[in-house]
N, C-alpha and C. Protein backbone atom coordinates (compact mmCIF):
# COMPACT_ATOMS: atom_id res chain seq x y z
N MET A 1 3.99 -11.09 16.97
CA MET A 1 5.64 -11.31 17.51
C MET A 1 6.95 -10.79 16.74
N ARG A 2 7.02 -10.42 16.96
CA ARG A 2 8.09 -9.52 16.19
C ARG A 2 9.26 -10.57 15.53
N PRO A 3 9.58 -10.75 14.21
CA PRO A 3 10.73 -11.29 13.35
C PRO A 3 11.80 -10.98 14.20
N THR A 4 12.83 -12.18 14.04
CA THR A 4 14.04 -11.99 14.51
C THR A 4 15.11 -11.70 13.99
N LYS A 5 16.14 -11.83 14.33
CA LYS A 5 17.52 -11.17 13.05
C LYS A 5 17.40 -12.32 11.90
N ALA A 6 17.25 -13.89 12.67
CA ALA A 6 17.47 -14.97 11.64
C ALA A 6 16.35 -15.08 11.13
N ASP A 7 15.19 -14.93 11.29
CA ASP A 7 13.95 -14.65 10.63
C ASP A 7 14.09 -13.63 9.43
N LEU A 8 14.39 -12.56 9.41
CA LEU A 8 14.79 -11.57 8.65
C LEU A 8 15.74 -12.14 7.67
N GLU A 9 16.85 -12.35 8.14
CA GLU A 9 17.79 -12.92 6.93
C GLU A 9 17.26 -14.14 6.16
N ALA A 10 16.45 -15.04 6.85
CA ALA A 10 15.42 -16.41 6.02
C ALA A 10 14.63 -15.89 5.04
N ALA A 11 14.13 -14.53 5.36
CA ALA A 11 12.94 -13.72 4.18
C ALA A 11 13.40 -13.30 2.78
N ARG A 12 15.06 -13.33 2.94
CA ARG A 12 15.64 -12.58 1.74
C ARG A 12 14.87 -13.60 0.41
N ASP A 13 14.80 -12.78 -0.08
CA ASP A 13 14.19 -13.66 -1.57
C ASP A 13 12.86 -14.24 -1.21
N LYS A 14 11.95 -14.07 -0.66
CA LYS A 14 11.13 -14.63 -0.61
C LYS A 14 9.56 -14.06 -1.40
N LEU A 15 8.72 -14.58 -1.78
CA LEU A 15 7.58 -14.04 -2.27
C LEU A 15 6.64 -13.64 -1.89
N ILE A 16 5.58 -12.95 -1.61
CA ILE A 16 4.65 -12.73 -0.82
C ILE A 16 3.35 -12.56 -1.84
N PRO A 17 2.32 -13.18 -1.60
CA PRO A 17 1.33 -13.11 -2.47
C PRO A 17 0.65 -11.79 -2.60
N ASP A 18 0.18 -11.61 -4.05
CA ASP A 18 -0.68 -10.24 -4.17
C ASP A 18 -1.76 -10.26 -3.42
N ILE A 19 -2.65 -9.29 -2.99
CA ILE A 19 -3.70 -9.11 -2.43
C ILE A 19 -4.93 -8.45 -3.52
N LEU A 20 -5.82 -9.54 -3.90
CA LEU A 20 -6.54 -9.11 -4.85
C LEU A 20 -7.88 -9.58 -4.74
N PRO A 21 -8.80 -8.93 -5.13
CA PRO A 21 -10.44 -9.36 -4.71
C PRO A 21 -10.24 -10.55 -6.31
N PRO A 22 -11.60 -11.34 -5.74
CA PRO A 22 -12.18 -12.11 -7.01
C PRO A 22 -12.06 -11.55 -8.47
N GLU A 23 -11.63 -11.89 -9.61
CA GLU A 23 -11.97 -11.88 -10.64
C GLU A 23 -12.93 -11.25 -11.03
N GLY A 24 -13.31 -10.06 -11.54
CA GLY A 24 -14.65 -9.48 -12.10
C GLY A 24 -15.34 -8.70 -10.92
N ALA A 25 -14.75 -8.43 -9.43
CA ALA A 25 -14.85 -7.41 -8.50
C ALA A 25 -14.38 -6.63 -8.92
N THR A 26 -15.23 -5.37 -8.15
CA THR A 26 -14.60 -4.16 -8.26
C THR A 26 -13.25 -4.06 -7.56
N LEU A 27 -12.48 -3.41 -8.46
CA LEU A 27 -11.27 -3.04 -7.51
C LEU A 27 -10.99 -1.69 -8.30
N ARG A 28 -11.39 -0.52 -7.09
CA ARG A 28 -10.92 0.86 -6.97
C ARG A 28 -9.76 1.10 -7.56
N VAL A 29 -8.63 0.78 -6.35
CA VAL A 29 -7.69 1.04 -6.49
C VAL A 29 -6.37 -0.18 -6.50
N LEU A 30 -5.72 -0.76 -7.12
CA LEU A 30 -4.61 -1.54 -7.01
C LEU A 30 -3.49 -0.58 -6.85
N PHE A 31 -2.77 -0.81 -5.29
CA PHE A 31 -1.82 0.02 -4.71
C PHE A 31 -0.46 -1.23 -5.29
N CYS A 32 0.56 -0.81 -5.78
CA CYS A 32 1.71 -1.09 -6.16
C CYS A 32 2.76 -0.37 -5.37
N GLY A 33 3.60 -1.42 -4.57
CA GLY A 33 4.74 -1.09 -3.89
C GLY A 33 6.08 -1.30 -4.82
N ILE A 34 7.10 -1.27 -4.48
CA ILE A 34 8.36 -1.15 -5.14
C ILE A 34 8.69 -3.00 -5.29
N ASN A 35 8.90 -3.31 -3.72
CA ASN A 35 9.01 -4.69 -3.49
C ASN A 35 8.80 -5.09 -2.08
N PRO A 36 8.67 -6.05 -1.65
CA PRO A 36 8.54 -6.41 -0.25
C PRO A 36 9.74 -6.07 0.31
N GLY A 37 9.82 -5.60 1.82
CA GLY A 37 10.93 -5.73 2.60
C GLY A 37 11.41 -6.93 3.46
N LEU A 38 12.30 -7.43 4.36
CA LEU A 38 12.60 -8.31 4.87
C LEU A 38 11.21 -8.81 6.19
N TYR A 39 11.05 -7.54 6.53
CA TYR A 39 10.12 -8.03 7.80
C TYR A 39 8.60 -8.11 6.89
N SER A 40 8.47 -7.73 5.95
CA SER A 40 7.76 -8.15 5.03
C SER A 40 7.56 -9.60 4.94
N GLY A 41 8.62 -10.19 4.45
CA GLY A 41 8.70 -11.61 4.02
C GLY A 41 9.08 -12.45 5.06
N ALA A 42 9.68 -11.99 6.10
CA ALA A 42 9.45 -12.72 7.46
C ALA A 42 8.04 -12.83 8.15
N THR A 43 6.88 -11.80 7.50
CA THR A 43 5.75 -11.97 8.24
C THR A 43 4.67 -12.38 6.95
N GLY A 44 4.87 -12.19 6.31
CA GLY A 44 4.09 -12.64 4.69
C GLY A 44 2.69 -11.33 4.96
N HIS A 45 3.14 -10.25 5.30
CA HIS A 45 2.29 -8.64 4.96
C HIS A 45 2.97 -7.66 4.55
N HIS A 46 2.14 -7.24 3.72
CA HIS A 46 2.58 -6.24 3.01
C HIS A 46 2.67 -4.92 3.88
N PHE A 47 3.60 -4.21 3.53
CA PHE A 47 4.15 -2.70 4.22
C PHE A 47 4.01 -3.45 5.85
N ALA A 48 4.89 -3.93 6.22
CA ALA A 48 4.86 -5.04 7.61
C ALA A 48 5.82 -4.22 8.60
N ARG A 49 6.69 -3.58 8.07
CA ARG A 49 7.90 -2.78 8.46
C ARG A 49 7.07 -1.76 9.96
N PRO A 50 7.54 -2.04 11.32
CA PRO A 50 7.08 -0.58 12.32
C PRO A 50 7.54 0.59 11.25
N GLY A 51 7.07 1.61 11.39
CA GLY A 51 7.58 2.46 10.79
C GLY A 51 7.23 3.09 9.16
N ASN A 52 6.24 1.76 8.43
CA ASN A 52 5.81 2.21 7.09
C ASN A 52 4.54 2.69 7.31
N ARG A 53 4.43 3.77 6.72
CA ARG A 53 3.28 4.82 6.83
C ARG A 53 1.90 4.47 6.03
N PHE A 54 2.44 3.26 5.04
CA PHE A 54 1.03 2.74 4.25
C PHE A 54 -0.03 3.15 4.84
N TRP A 55 -0.36 1.88 6.23
CA TRP A 55 -1.28 1.56 6.71
C TRP A 55 -2.09 2.80 7.34
N PRO A 56 -1.30 3.66 8.04
CA PRO A 56 -1.81 5.04 8.46
C PRO A 56 -2.05 5.77 7.70
N ALA A 57 -1.77 5.96 6.45
CA ALA A 57 -1.87 6.91 5.38
C ALA A 57 -2.99 6.11 4.72
N LEU A 58 -3.51 5.02 4.68
CA LEU A 58 -4.37 4.46 4.06
C LEU A 58 -5.89 4.88 4.83
N HIS A 59 -5.73 4.91 5.92
CA HIS A 59 -6.73 4.80 6.90
C HIS A 59 -6.88 6.85 6.96
N ARG A 60 -5.99 7.78 6.86
CA ARG A 60 -5.77 8.96 7.42
C ARG A 60 -6.76 9.56 6.16
N SER A 61 -6.26 9.10 5.11
CA SER A 61 -6.73 9.29 3.47
C SER A 61 -8.28 9.13 3.43
N GLY A 62 -8.94 8.06 4.38
CA GLY A 62 -10.49 7.98 4.12
C GLY A 62 -10.69 6.86 3.51
N PHE A 63 -9.64 6.04 2.72
CA PHE A 63 -9.62 4.58 2.27
C PHE A 63 -10.31 3.44 3.18
N THR A 64 -10.26 3.47 4.32
CA THR A 64 -10.79 2.78 5.62
C THR A 64 -10.90 3.40 6.61
N GLU A 65 -11.89 2.73 7.10
CA GLU A 65 -13.02 3.64 8.47
C GLU A 65 -11.91 3.54 9.33
N ARG A 66 -11.03 2.80 9.82
CA ARG A 66 -9.82 2.65 10.94
C ARG A 66 -8.47 1.90 10.34
N GLN A 67 -7.61 1.86 11.37
CA GLN A 67 -6.29 1.95 10.97
C GLN A 67 -6.08 0.09 10.63
N LEU A 68 -6.06 -0.25 9.44
CA LEU A 68 -5.67 -1.97 9.56
C LEU A 68 -4.46 -2.46 9.56
N ARG A 69 -4.26 -3.38 10.20
CA ARG A 69 -3.10 -3.93 10.39
C ARG A 69 -2.34 -4.75 9.49
N PRO A 70 -1.13 -4.67 9.52
CA PRO A 70 -0.90 -5.37 7.99
C PRO A 70 -1.39 -6.84 8.26
N ALA A 71 -1.55 -7.40 9.28
CA ALA A 71 -2.30 -8.67 9.31
C ALA A 71 -3.38 -8.67 9.02
N GLU A 72 -4.10 -7.70 8.91
CA GLU A 72 -5.76 -7.53 8.29
C GLU A 72 -5.49 -7.29 6.95
N GLN A 73 -4.66 -7.41 6.09
CA GLN A 73 -4.25 -6.91 4.33
C GLN A 73 -5.35 -7.94 3.72
N HIS A 74 -5.71 -8.90 4.40
CA HIS A 74 -6.94 -9.77 3.46
C HIS A 74 -8.59 -9.15 3.62
N LEU A 75 -8.58 -7.76 4.49
CA LEU A 75 -9.73 -7.37 4.42
C LEU A 75 -9.68 -6.31 2.98
N LEU A 76 -8.38 -5.71 2.66
CA LEU A 76 -8.48 -4.83 1.34
C LEU A 76 -9.54 -5.10 0.49
N PRO A 77 -9.91 -6.31 -0.24
CA PRO A 77 -10.66 -6.53 -1.37
C PRO A 77 -12.23 -5.99 -0.81
N SER A 78 -12.44 -6.04 0.42
CA SER A 78 -14.00 -5.56 0.59
C SER A 78 -13.81 -3.98 0.78
N TYR A 79 -12.95 -3.35 0.46
CA TYR A 79 -12.83 -2.39 0.13
C TYR A 79 -12.48 -1.44 -1.23
N GLY A 80 -12.80 -2.61 -2.14
CA GLY A 80 -12.00 -2.48 -3.22
C GLY A 80 -10.91 -1.92 -3.39
N LEU A 81 -9.90 -2.44 -2.71
CA LEU A 81 -8.77 -2.21 -2.99
C LEU A 81 -7.76 -3.54 -2.88
N GLY A 82 -6.42 -3.40 -3.68
CA GLY A 82 -5.45 -4.27 -3.73
C GLY A 82 -3.97 -4.07 -3.48
N ILE A 83 -2.95 -5.30 -3.56
CA ILE A 83 -1.70 -4.75 -3.13
C ILE A 83 -0.83 -5.27 -4.39
N THR A 84 0.12 -5.07 -4.71
CA THR A 84 1.36 -5.76 -5.56
C THR A 84 2.24 -5.13 -5.29
N ASN A 85 3.21 -5.45 -6.11
CA ASN A 85 4.62 -4.94 -5.89
C ASN A 85 5.27 -5.18 -7.27
N LEU A 86 6.18 -4.22 -7.82
CA LEU A 86 6.95 -4.34 -8.92
C LEU A 86 7.64 -4.95 -9.08
N ALA A 87 8.55 -5.43 -8.20
CA ALA A 87 9.40 -6.55 -7.80
C ALA A 87 8.82 -7.77 -6.67
N PRO A 88 8.87 -8.90 -7.27
CA PRO A 88 8.05 -9.45 -6.10
C PRO A 88 9.10 -10.32 -4.87
N ARG A 89 10.17 -10.28 -5.15
CA ARG A 89 11.18 -10.82 -4.03
C ARG A 89 11.61 -9.68 -3.14
N THR A 90 11.83 -10.29 -1.79
CA THR A 90 11.81 -9.41 -0.83
C THR A 90 13.80 -9.23 -0.41
N THR A 91 13.85 -7.98 -0.42
CA THR A 91 15.37 -7.42 -0.19
C THR A 91 15.48 -6.44 1.09
N ALA A 92 16.55 -6.43 1.64
CA ALA A 92 16.59 -5.58 2.81
C ALA A 92 16.19 -3.80 2.04
N ARG A 93 16.82 -3.58 1.03
CA ARG A 93 16.75 -2.30 0.71
C ARG A 93 15.86 -2.41 -1.32
N ALA A 94 15.54 -1.38 -1.35
CA ALA A 94 14.88 -1.42 -2.41
C ALA A 94 16.09 -1.44 -3.49
N ASP A 95 17.13 -0.39 -3.38
CA ASP A 95 18.30 -0.44 -4.15
C ASP A 95 19.13 -1.84 -4.40
N GLU A 96 18.30 -2.85 -4.06
CA GLU A 96 19.22 -4.23 -4.22
C GLU A 96 18.48 -4.78 -5.64
N LEU A 97 17.30 -3.91 -6.04
CA LEU A 97 17.08 -4.57 -7.27
C LEU A 97 17.60 -4.08 -8.13
N THR A 98 17.26 -4.88 -9.68
CA THR A 98 18.02 -4.22 -10.91
C THR A 98 17.21 -3.63 -11.69
N GLU A 99 17.60 -2.47 -12.38
CA GLU A 99 16.50 -2.22 -13.63
C GLU A 99 15.84 -3.14 -14.33
N THR A 100 16.60 -4.24 -14.76
CA THR A 100 15.56 -5.33 -15.50
C THR A 100 14.57 -5.47 -14.58
N GLU A 101 14.95 -5.60 -13.26
CA GLU A 101 13.82 -6.62 -12.54
C GLU A 101 12.57 -5.43 -12.50
N LEU A 102 13.23 -4.06 -12.47
CA LEU A 102 11.70 -3.23 -12.23
C LEU A 102 11.33 -3.03 -13.57
N ARG A 103 11.64 -3.30 -14.72
CA ARG A 103 11.39 -3.31 -16.07
C ARG A 103 10.14 -4.70 -16.24
N GLU A 104 10.84 -5.54 -15.72
CA GLU A 104 9.86 -6.69 -15.75
C GLU A 104 8.56 -6.95 -15.40
N GLY A 105 8.92 -5.91 -13.64
CA GLY A 105 7.94 -5.74 -12.77
C GLY A 105 6.99 -4.92 -13.52
N GLY A 106 7.04 -3.92 -14.19
CA GLY A 106 6.30 -3.25 -15.07
C GLY A 106 5.37 -3.88 -15.93
N GLU A 107 6.02 -5.00 -16.68
CA GLU A 107 5.65 -5.71 -17.95
C GLU A 107 4.34 -6.70 -17.27
N ARG A 108 4.78 -7.11 -16.09
CA ARG A 108 3.93 -8.24 -15.18
C ARG A 108 2.82 -7.39 -14.33
N LEU A 109 2.92 -5.84 -14.03
CA LEU A 109 2.11 -5.14 -13.85
C LEU A 109 1.18 -4.73 -14.80
N VAL A 110 1.40 -4.58 -15.91
CA VAL A 110 0.07 -4.40 -16.59
C VAL A 110 -0.45 -5.21 -17.33
N ALA A 111 -0.03 -6.93 -16.99
CA ALA A 111 -1.02 -8.03 -17.60
C ALA A 111 -1.86 -8.10 -16.37
N LEU A 112 -1.37 -7.51 -14.83
CA LEU A 112 -1.85 -7.67 -13.68
C LEU A 112 -3.31 -6.76 -13.84
N VAL A 113 -2.84 -5.58 -14.37
CA VAL A 113 -4.13 -4.60 -14.23
C VAL A 113 -5.47 -4.88 -15.72
N GLU A 114 -4.45 -5.19 -16.45
CA GLU A 114 -5.74 -5.78 -17.70
C GLU A 114 -6.34 -6.91 -17.34
N ARG A 115 -6.08 -7.80 -16.42
CA ARG A 115 -6.81 -8.81 -16.02
C ARG A 115 -7.70 -8.19 -14.83
N TYR A 116 -7.52 -7.58 -13.66
CA TYR A 116 -8.27 -7.26 -12.63
C TYR A 116 -8.81 -5.88 -13.20
N ARG A 117 -8.70 -5.06 -14.04
CA ARG A 117 -9.38 -3.68 -14.27
C ARG A 117 -9.62 -3.03 -13.24
N PRO A 118 -8.62 -2.61 -12.48
CA PRO A 118 -8.52 -1.68 -11.48
C PRO A 118 -9.18 -0.05 -12.00
N ALA A 119 -9.74 1.00 -11.46
CA ALA A 119 -10.37 1.71 -11.80
C ALA A 119 -8.72 2.70 -12.04
N TYR A 120 -7.78 2.66 -10.75
CA TYR A 120 -6.61 3.14 -10.33
C TYR A 120 -5.68 2.64 -10.08
N LEU A 121 -4.22 2.84 -10.80
CA LEU A 121 -3.07 1.87 -9.88
C LEU A 121 -2.33 3.06 -9.23
N GLY A 122 -2.35 3.00 -8.00
CA GLY A 122 -1.32 3.72 -7.15
C GLY A 122 -0.32 2.99 -6.92
N VAL A 123 0.89 3.35 -7.89
CA VAL A 123 2.48 2.78 -7.48
C VAL A 123 2.74 3.96 -6.68
N ALA A 124 3.35 3.22 -5.33
CA ALA A 124 4.36 4.04 -4.24
C ALA A 124 5.65 4.04 -4.48
N GLY A 125 5.96 4.92 -5.07
CA GLY A 125 7.87 5.25 -5.30
C GLY A 125 7.98 5.73 -6.96
N VAL A 126 8.38 6.97 -6.77
CA VAL A 126 8.34 7.70 -8.22
C VAL A 126 9.20 7.45 -8.84
N THR A 127 10.84 6.77 -8.28
CA THR A 127 11.74 6.45 -8.54
C THR A 127 11.76 5.01 -9.16
N ALA A 128 11.12 4.26 -8.63
CA ALA A 128 10.65 2.57 -9.35
C ALA A 128 9.92 2.82 -10.29
N TYR A 129 8.77 3.50 -10.12
CA TYR A 129 7.88 3.99 -11.54
C TYR A 129 8.40 4.47 -12.72
N ARG A 130 9.60 5.48 -12.63
CA ARG A 130 9.98 5.99 -13.41
C ARG A 130 11.03 4.92 -14.20
N THR A 131 11.62 4.07 -13.88
CA THR A 131 12.40 3.04 -14.08
C THR A 131 11.67 1.65 -14.74
N ALA A 132 10.86 1.91 -14.38
CA ALA A 132 10.04 0.11 -14.85
C ALA A 132 8.92 1.02 -15.98
N PHE A 133 8.76 1.93 -16.06
CA PHE A 133 7.95 2.66 -17.32
C PHE A 133 8.73 3.28 -18.30
N GLY A 134 9.87 3.52 -17.92
CA GLY A 134 10.84 4.83 -18.76
C GLY A 134 10.11 6.05 -18.79
N ASP A 135 9.73 6.35 -17.75
CA ASP A 135 9.11 7.73 -18.13
C ASP A 135 10.24 8.69 -16.48
N LYS A 136 10.79 9.32 -16.94
CA LYS A 136 11.87 9.71 -16.59
C LYS A 136 11.71 11.28 -15.89
N LYS A 137 10.21 11.63 -16.70
CA LYS A 137 9.58 13.08 -15.69
C LYS A 137 8.71 12.94 -15.05
N ALA A 138 8.17 11.45 -14.83
CA ALA A 138 6.87 11.44 -13.83
C ALA A 138 7.20 11.86 -12.65
N GLN A 139 6.10 12.57 -11.87
CA GLN A 139 6.34 13.11 -10.55
C GLN A 139 4.92 13.06 -9.87
N ILE A 140 5.15 12.99 -8.36
CA ILE A 140 3.94 12.29 -7.98
C ILE A 140 3.05 13.07 -8.42
N GLY A 141 1.71 12.11 -8.19
CA GLY A 141 0.35 12.75 -8.50
C GLY A 141 0.17 11.71 -9.88
N PRO A 142 -1.36 12.45 -10.52
CA PRO A 142 -1.84 11.80 -11.57
C PRO A 142 -0.89 11.72 -12.80
N GLN A 143 -1.07 10.68 -13.22
CA GLN A 143 -0.02 10.63 -14.88
C GLN A 143 -0.89 10.78 -15.88
N ASP A 144 -0.25 11.25 -16.87
CA ASP A 144 -1.30 11.21 -18.10
C ASP A 144 -1.48 10.13 -18.80
N ASP A 145 -0.63 9.19 -18.78
CA ASP A 145 -0.91 7.77 -19.40
C ASP A 145 -1.50 7.14 -18.35
N ARG A 146 -2.08 6.06 -19.22
CA ARG A 146 -3.12 4.61 -18.54
C ARG A 146 -2.09 3.51 -18.70
N ILE A 147 -2.24 3.04 -17.77
CA ILE A 147 -1.57 1.28 -17.76
C ILE A 147 -3.00 0.50 -18.13
N GLY A 148 -2.89 -0.10 -19.10
CA GLY A 148 -4.03 -0.69 -19.72
C GLY A 148 -5.51 0.22 -19.22
N PRO A 149 -6.37 -0.33 -18.77
CA PRO A 149 -7.61 0.68 -18.39
C PRO A 149 -7.67 1.41 -17.24
N ALA A 150 -6.29 1.21 -16.80
CA ALA A 150 -6.16 1.92 -15.26
C ALA A 150 -5.68 3.26 -15.49
N ARG A 151 -6.26 4.45 -14.41
CA ARG A 151 -5.35 5.82 -14.42
C ARG A 151 -4.49 5.45 -13.54
N VAL A 152 -3.10 6.25 -13.81
CA VAL A 152 -1.98 5.99 -12.91
C VAL A 152 -1.91 6.80 -11.87
N TRP A 153 -1.81 6.78 -10.71
CA TRP A 153 -1.38 7.72 -9.95
C TRP A 153 -0.13 7.52 -9.17
N VAL A 154 0.99 8.52 -9.11
CA VAL A 154 2.13 8.04 -8.38
C VAL A 154 1.96 8.54 -6.96
N LEU A 155 2.47 7.61 -5.83
CA LEU A 155 2.50 7.94 -5.11
C LEU A 155 3.68 8.28 -4.12
N PRO A 156 3.76 8.79 -3.11
CA PRO A 156 5.54 8.55 -2.41
C PRO A 156 5.73 7.47 -1.81
N ASN A 157 6.58 6.90 -1.59
CA ASN A 157 7.07 5.87 -0.85
C ASN A 157 6.83 6.11 0.66
N PRO A 158 5.89 5.26 0.80
CA PRO A 158 5.27 5.05 2.54
C PRO A 158 6.63 4.60 3.58
N SER A 159 7.94 4.08 2.70
CA SER A 159 9.17 3.67 3.84
C SER A 159 8.87 5.14 4.75
N GLY A 160 9.41 4.35 6.13
CA GLY A 160 9.67 5.50 6.92
C GLY A 160 11.10 6.33 6.88
N LEU A 161 12.08 5.75 5.59
CA LEU A 161 13.24 6.75 5.29
C LEU A 161 12.66 7.57 4.63
N ASN A 162 11.51 7.86 3.84
CA ASN A 162 10.96 8.50 3.49
C ASN A 162 11.19 9.93 4.28
N ALA A 163 11.50 10.87 4.41
CA ALA A 163 11.57 12.11 5.18
C ALA A 163 11.03 12.75 4.79
N SER A 164 11.11 13.36 3.29
CA SER A 164 10.54 14.60 2.91
C SER A 164 8.98 14.39 2.58
N TRP A 165 8.55 12.99 2.72
CA TRP A 165 6.98 12.94 3.08
C TRP A 165 6.52 12.58 4.57
N PRO A 166 6.32 13.66 5.02
CA PRO A 166 5.66 13.25 6.40
C PRO A 166 4.31 12.77 6.37
N LEU A 167 4.01 11.90 7.55
CA LEU A 167 2.81 11.09 7.00
C LEU A 167 1.43 12.17 7.10
N ASP A 168 1.29 13.28 7.40
CA ASP A 168 0.44 14.19 7.10
C ASP A 168 0.17 14.19 5.80
N ARG A 169 1.28 14.80 5.11
CA ARG A 169 1.75 15.20 3.61
C ARG A 169 1.11 13.77 3.02
N MET A 170 1.80 12.63 2.86
CA MET A 170 1.56 11.53 2.54
C MET A 170 -0.24 11.33 2.54
N ALA A 171 -0.59 11.20 3.62
CA ALA A 171 -2.09 10.69 3.69
C ALA A 171 -2.98 11.92 3.13
N ALA A 172 -2.79 13.19 2.76
CA ALA A 172 -3.17 14.26 1.80
C ALA A 172 -3.05 13.91 0.34
N GLU A 173 -2.09 13.19 -0.01
CA GLU A 173 -1.64 12.39 -1.69
C GLU A 173 -2.57 11.53 -1.46
N PHE A 174 -2.60 10.59 -0.37
CA PHE A 174 -3.62 8.90 -0.48
C PHE A 174 -4.82 9.62 -0.69
N ALA A 175 -5.48 11.08 0.05
CA ALA A 175 -6.59 11.56 -0.05
C ALA A 175 -7.64 12.01 -1.22
N ARG A 176 -6.02 12.42 -2.05
CA ARG A 176 -6.55 13.00 -3.43
C ARG A 176 -6.67 11.55 -4.27
N LEU A 177 -5.83 10.55 -4.64
CA LEU A 177 -6.31 9.42 -5.02
C LEU A 177 -7.24 8.81 -4.29
N ARG A 178 -8.06 8.88 -3.37
CA ARG A 178 -9.24 8.25 -3.09
C ARG A 178 -10.23 8.78 -3.39
N GLU A 179 -10.51 10.51 -3.65
CA GLU A 179 -11.22 11.15 -4.16
C GLU A 179 -11.65 11.10 -5.60
N ALA A 180 -10.37 10.91 -6.46
CA ALA A 180 -10.41 10.81 -7.89
C ALA A 180 -11.18 9.47 -8.22
N ALA A 181 -10.73 8.22 -6.91
CA ALA A 181 -11.05 7.06 -7.53
C ALA A 181 -12.72 7.23 -7.37
N GLU A 182 -13.44 7.77 -6.05
CA GLU A 182 -14.39 8.17 -5.94
C GLU A 182 -15.13 8.31 -7.13
N ALA A 183 -14.95 9.68 -7.85
CA ALA A 183 -15.00 10.55 -8.90
C ALA A 183 -15.26 9.42 -9.79
N ALA A 184 -14.22 8.67 -10.49
CA ALA A 184 -14.34 7.54 -11.39
C ALA A 184 -15.33 6.53 -11.22
N GLY A 185 -15.99 6.03 -10.07
CA GLY A 185 -16.67 5.14 -9.76
C GLY A 185 -17.92 5.69 -10.33
N ASP A 186 -18.46 7.20 -9.62
CA ASP A 186 -19.66 7.70 -9.76
C ASP A 186 -19.93 8.10 -11.51
N GLU A 187 -18.49 7.97 -11.84
CA GLU A 187 -18.79 8.31 -13.44
C GLU A 187 -19.49 6.94 -14.19
N SER A 188 -18.96 5.84 -13.57
CA SER A 188 -19.22 4.76 -14.28
C SER A 188 -20.45 4.04 -13.79
N SER A 189 -20.94 4.45 -13.03
CA SER A 189 -22.26 4.29 -12.34
C SER A 189 -23.40 4.80 -12.62
């Protein structure tokens, strides 16, 4: 059932729990969004808004054997995947977040990565990544710096508003991350 306009407005500033495996379990990639939108806040599911391309890109890139629905986010740990956000509170638009919130989110993310130890951190949104980590020159793709033990890969923002990244191009970038994470897993075994 789709949220109503009242449901969406009531979802403002809600928090959505991270999707993480049990501590000590394998976490190949921890995906990090900017923050949940109102649709996600109303449903309780990450990347839930129709038109968001996270779930199609995840499948088309080979991370999952079928396209999961946002309501199936609990299945991600079985694939060695997780989801978090830089800023935990829901907003109608990412530009409602302050630079302070994004920087504090970066600090929280460092602690989360230290605790769960993913092989890769996939941050969806280059502008938010630049703000959170003070890296004004970051581009889409692998980064030279690590966050804790994790290699960092900046992904395009999967919002349907990001017209410069069509789904096929986005899925190809997700596939590059998947291949790197698989290679990192092969190196550690």
